[in-house]
Amino acid sequence: MAPSELFKKAEFPQYPGSDLPEGKSGITSAGSQTRYELHMTTTDSIQKVVDYYKSKLKVDQKGTAQAVDMLGMTPKGKLVQIKLGLSKGSTTIQVVVIDEK
């Protein structure tokens, strides 16, 4: 499944202008739980990414200017964890969305 399709299935907003590395995102299911792992990169700062997701989701954050963890809920009530870091001049965005049915 293409990364852009995974974002739609997970009902999670892709960070505007981010790149979606092929082969990094995926979906797994176990029992009543579906887990979406979404990966993005951007040249924007970590703080700009934090501000964007805080405006879209109900999340708390902890961390530093170099690495941030965010935990909360999507607008549709799914559990979400977002990890932000720096790698080779880019901000990496790793997202796990858990859908309990």
Protein backbone atom coordinates (compact mmCIF):
# COMPACT_ATOMS: atom_id res chain seq x y z
CA MET A 1 0.00 0.00 0.00
CA ALA A 2 1.32 3.44 -0.90
CA PRO A 3 2.25 5.67 2.07
CA SER A 4 -0.36 8.29 1.11
CA GLU A 5 -3.07 5.59 1.26
CA LEU A 6 -1.91 4.58 4.75
CA PHE A 7 -2.41 8.15 5.98
CA LYS A 8 -6.00 8.06 4.71
CA LYS A 9 -6.71 4.68 6.33
CA ALA A 10 -5.15 5.84 9.61
CA GLU A 11 -7.16 9.09 9.42
CA PHE A 12 -3.98 10.96 10.30
CA PRO A 13 -2.91 14.28 8.73
CA GLN A 14 0.27 14.12 6.70
CA TYR A 15 2.60 17.00 7.53
CA PRO A 16 2.30 19.53 4.65
CA GLY A 17 5.09 19.22 2.09
CA SER A 18 6.69 16.24 3.82
CA ASP A 19 8.41 13.45 1.95
CA LEU A 20 7.17 9.89 2.41
CA PRO A 21 10.09 7.46 2.17
CA GLU A 22 9.07 4.28 0.31
CA GLY A 23 9.12 1.07 2.33
CA LYS A 24 9.20 2.76 5.75
CA SER A 25 5.46 2.99 6.50
CA GLY A 26 3.23 -0.01 7.14
CA ILE A 27 0.15 -1.51 8.75
CA THR A 28 -0.24 -4.51 11.06
CA SER A 29 -3.29 -6.07 12.66
CA ALA A 30 -3.63 -8.28 15.72
CA GLY A 31 -7.04 -9.17 17.09
CA SER A 32 -9.14 -6.03 17.40
CA GLN A 33 -6.15 -3.68 17.05
CA THR A 34 -4.77 -2.14 13.86
CA ARG A 35 -1.41 -0.37 14.07
CA TYR A 36 -0.31 2.16 11.46
CA GLU A 37 3.36 3.13 11.31
CA LEU A 38 3.87 6.30 9.28
CA HIS A 39 7.21 7.91 8.41
CA MET A 40 7.87 11.37 6.99
CA THR A 41 10.75 13.81 6.60
CA THR A 42 10.73 17.57 6.20
CA THR A 43 13.21 20.42 6.11
CA ASP A 44 11.02 22.37 8.58
CA SER A 45 12.14 22.71 12.20
CA ILE A 46 10.98 20.35 14.92
CA GLN A 47 9.12 23.25 16.58
CA LYS A 48 7.18 24.00 13.38
CA VAL A 49 6.11 20.33 13.16
CA VAL A 50 5.13 20.36 16.87
CA ASP A 51 3.04 23.50 16.34
CA TYR A 52 1.28 21.96 13.33
CA TYR A 53 0.30 18.75 15.12
CA LYS A 54 -0.74 20.60 18.28
CA SER A 55 -3.18 22.57 16.11
CA LYS A 56 -4.60 19.36 14.57
CA LEU A 57 -4.53 16.84 17.44
CA LYS A 58 -5.04 16.57 21.17
CA VAL A 59 -1.45 15.82 22.20
CA ASP A 60 1.01 16.40 25.02
CA GLN A 61 4.70 16.79 24.33
CA LYS A 62 8.00 16.24 26.08
CA GLY A 63 11.57 16.52 24.93
CA THR A 64 14.16 19.00 23.75
CA ALA A 65 14.85 21.04 20.63
CA GLN A 66 16.64 17.96 19.22
CA ALA A 67 14.02 15.27 19.97
CA VAL A 68 10.35 15.48 20.88
CA ASP A 69 7.80 12.81 21.82
CA MET A 70 4.11 13.59 21.54
CA LEU A 71 1.28 11.38 22.79
CA GLY A 72 -2.45 11.88 22.43
CA MET A 73 -5.52 11.28 20.31
CA THR A 74 -6.47 11.85 16.69
CA PRO A 75 -9.68 13.76 15.89
CA LYS A 76 -11.38 10.35 15.42
CA GLY A 77 -10.27 9.14 18.89
CA LYS A 78 -7.37 6.89 17.90
CA LEU A 79 -4.28 6.73 20.11
CA VAL A 80 -1.28 8.40 18.48
CA GLN A 81 2.42 8.65 19.29
CA ILE A 82 4.66 11.00 17.33
CA LYS A 83 8.46 10.99 17.59
CA LEU A 84 10.41 13.87 16.08
CA GLY A 85 14.16 13.98 15.62
CA LEU A 86 16.94 15.35 13.45
CA SER A 87 18.83 13.39 10.80
CA LYS A 88 21.12 14.73 8.07
CA GLY A 89 19.65 18.24 8.20
CA SER A 90 16.02 17.08 8.11
CA THR A 91 13.33 16.60 10.71
CA THR A 92 12.19 12.99 10.90
CA ILE A 93 8.59 12.29 11.86
CA GLN A 94 7.69 8.80 13.07
CA VAL A 95 4.02 8.21 13.85
CA VAL A 96 2.19 5.24 15.34
CA VAL A 97 -1.60 5.30 15.21
CA ILE A 98 -3.48 2.56 17.08
CA ASP A 99 -7.06 1.81 16.12
CA GLU A 100 -9.00 -0.35 18.60
CA LYS A 101 -12.21 -1.84 17.20
